Amino acid sequence: MRSAADLKHEIERRLKGYLKRDTSGIRHELLSIFIKTKSVTIPEVFDQLKTKYTITLQSVASMIGTVASRIGILRVQKKNANSTSVYVLKDKYTDMVRTLILAV
């Protein structure tokens, strides 16, 4: 079983790799939105990103899904089964994300 330090190191490694593959800057912008607002829905992120990038709602959903499931730095909140999912940056990763989006 992994320790908390090992898990944090693994998440940092994955996040660095994710950001290194960002050729357009959209991934950095996506993570910046989570740092600024803490919790958002996919349509809210789409509305912010579409002003700077040519992007679809589905591609935004895919990026957020990747960050939530593969990297593991987002928490998903739903009020009920029919409500829109709200994605929240986990507090313990805020400083790491802020540091990495400036460094990578």
Protein backbone atom coordinates (compact mmCIF):
# COMPACT_ATOMS: atom_id res chain seq x y z
CA MET A 1 0.00 0.00 0.00
CA ARG A 2 1.26 3.46 -0.88
CA SER A 3 2.03 6.06 1.73
CA ALA A 4 0.56 9.55 1.53
CA ALA A 5 3.94 10.90 0.41
CA ASP A 6 4.22 8.27 -2.35
CA LEU A 7 0.73 9.09 -3.57
CA LYS A 8 1.43 12.83 -3.63
CA HIS A 9 4.68 12.20 -5.55
CA GLU A 10 2.83 10.03 -8.09
CA ILE A 11 0.15 12.69 -8.60
CA GLU A 12 2.84 15.33 -9.06
CA ARG A 13 4.58 13.13 -11.66
CA ARG A 14 1.32 12.61 -13.57
CA LEU A 15 0.46 16.30 -13.45
CA LYS A 16 3.91 17.28 -14.75
CA GLY A 17 3.51 14.87 -17.67
CA TYR A 18 0.02 16.20 -18.40
CA LEU A 19 1.28 19.79 -18.47
CA LYS A 20 4.38 18.99 -20.56
CA ARG A 21 2.11 17.72 -23.34
CA ASP A 22 0.24 21.04 -23.39
CA THR A 23 1.21 22.62 -26.70
CA SER A 24 -1.52 25.28 -26.82
CA GLY A 25 -1.65 26.38 -23.17
CA ILE A 26 -5.22 25.16 -22.69
CA ARG A 27 -4.34 22.68 -19.94
CA HIS A 28 -2.54 25.38 -17.99
CA GLU A 29 -5.57 27.63 -18.45
CA LEU A 30 -7.91 24.85 -17.29
CA LEU A 31 -5.96 24.33 -14.09
CA SER A 32 -5.73 28.10 -13.55
CA ILE A 33 -9.53 28.24 -13.62
CA PHE A 34 -9.68 25.67 -10.81
CA ILE A 35 -7.15 27.62 -8.74
CA LYS A 36 -9.10 30.86 -9.17
CA THR A 37 -12.62 29.55 -8.64
CA LYS A 38 -12.10 26.28 -6.70
CA SER A 39 -15.36 24.72 -7.92
CA VAL A 40 -16.93 24.85 -11.38
CA THR A 41 -19.16 22.94 -13.76
CA ILE A 42 -18.13 21.80 -17.23
CA PRO A 43 -20.30 24.46 -18.96
CA GLU A 44 -18.71 27.19 -16.80
CA VAL A 45 -15.21 26.05 -17.78
CA PHE A 46 -16.28 25.83 -21.42
CA ASP A 47 -17.59 29.40 -21.34
CA GLN A 48 -14.26 30.65 -20.02
CA LEU A 49 -12.06 28.62 -22.38
CA LYS A 50 -14.03 29.30 -25.57
CA THR A 51 -13.05 32.98 -25.43
CA LYS A 52 -9.37 32.06 -25.96
CA TYR A 53 -9.48 28.66 -27.68
CA THR A 54 -11.43 26.90 -30.41
CA ILE A 55 -12.86 24.09 -28.33
CA THR A 56 -16.00 22.00 -27.87
CA LEU A 57 -17.97 21.23 -24.74
CA GLN A 58 -17.08 17.55 -25.19
CA SER A 59 -13.35 18.27 -25.28
CA VAL A 60 -13.64 20.31 -22.07
CA ALA A 61 -15.54 17.44 -20.45
CA SER A 62 -12.81 15.06 -21.58
CA MET A 63 -10.03 17.21 -20.14
CA ILE A 64 -11.82 17.60 -16.82
CA GLY A 65 -12.51 13.87 -16.71
CA THR A 66 -8.83 13.14 -17.27
CA VAL A 67 -7.78 15.51 -14.50
CA ALA A 68 -10.38 14.06 -12.13
CA SER A 69 -9.86 10.36 -12.81
CA ARG A 70 -6.31 9.83 -14.05
CA ILE A 71 -4.51 12.55 -12.17
CA GLY A 72 -6.86 12.55 -9.17
CA ILE A 73 -6.76 16.19 -8.07
CA LEU A 74 -10.46 16.96 -8.49
CA ARG A 75 -13.46 15.92 -6.42
CA VAL A 76 -16.90 15.57 -8.01
CA GLN A 77 -19.97 16.84 -6.16
CA LYS A 78 -23.59 16.22 -7.12
CA LYS A 79 -26.59 17.44 -5.17
CA ASN A 80 -28.86 14.77 -6.62
CA ALA A 81 -28.95 12.29 -9.49
CA ASN A 82 -30.28 14.82 -12.02
CA SER A 83 -28.06 17.77 -11.12
CA THR A 84 -24.98 19.01 -12.94
CA SER A 85 -21.67 17.77 -11.55
CA VAL A 86 -19.55 20.36 -9.80
CA TYR A 87 -15.79 19.77 -9.92
CA VAL A 88 -13.68 20.96 -7.00
CA LEU A 89 -9.90 21.15 -6.76
CA LYS A 90 -8.85 19.19 -3.67
CA ASP A 91 -7.35 21.57 -1.10
CA LYS A 92 -4.26 19.44 -0.53
CA TYR A 93 -3.24 19.85 -4.20
CA THR A 94 -3.85 23.59 -4.63
CA ASP A 95 -0.26 24.64 -3.87
CA MET A 96 1.18 21.85 -6.04
CA VAL A 97 -0.99 22.81 -9.01
CA ARG A 98 -0.20 26.51 -8.60
CA THR A 99 3.55 25.78 -8.51
CA LEU A 100 3.48 23.42 -11.49
CA ILE A 101 1.45 25.62 -13.83
CA LEU A 102 4.02 28.36 -13.30
CA ALA A 103 7.02 26.02 -13.66
CA VAL A 104 6.09 23.76 -16.58
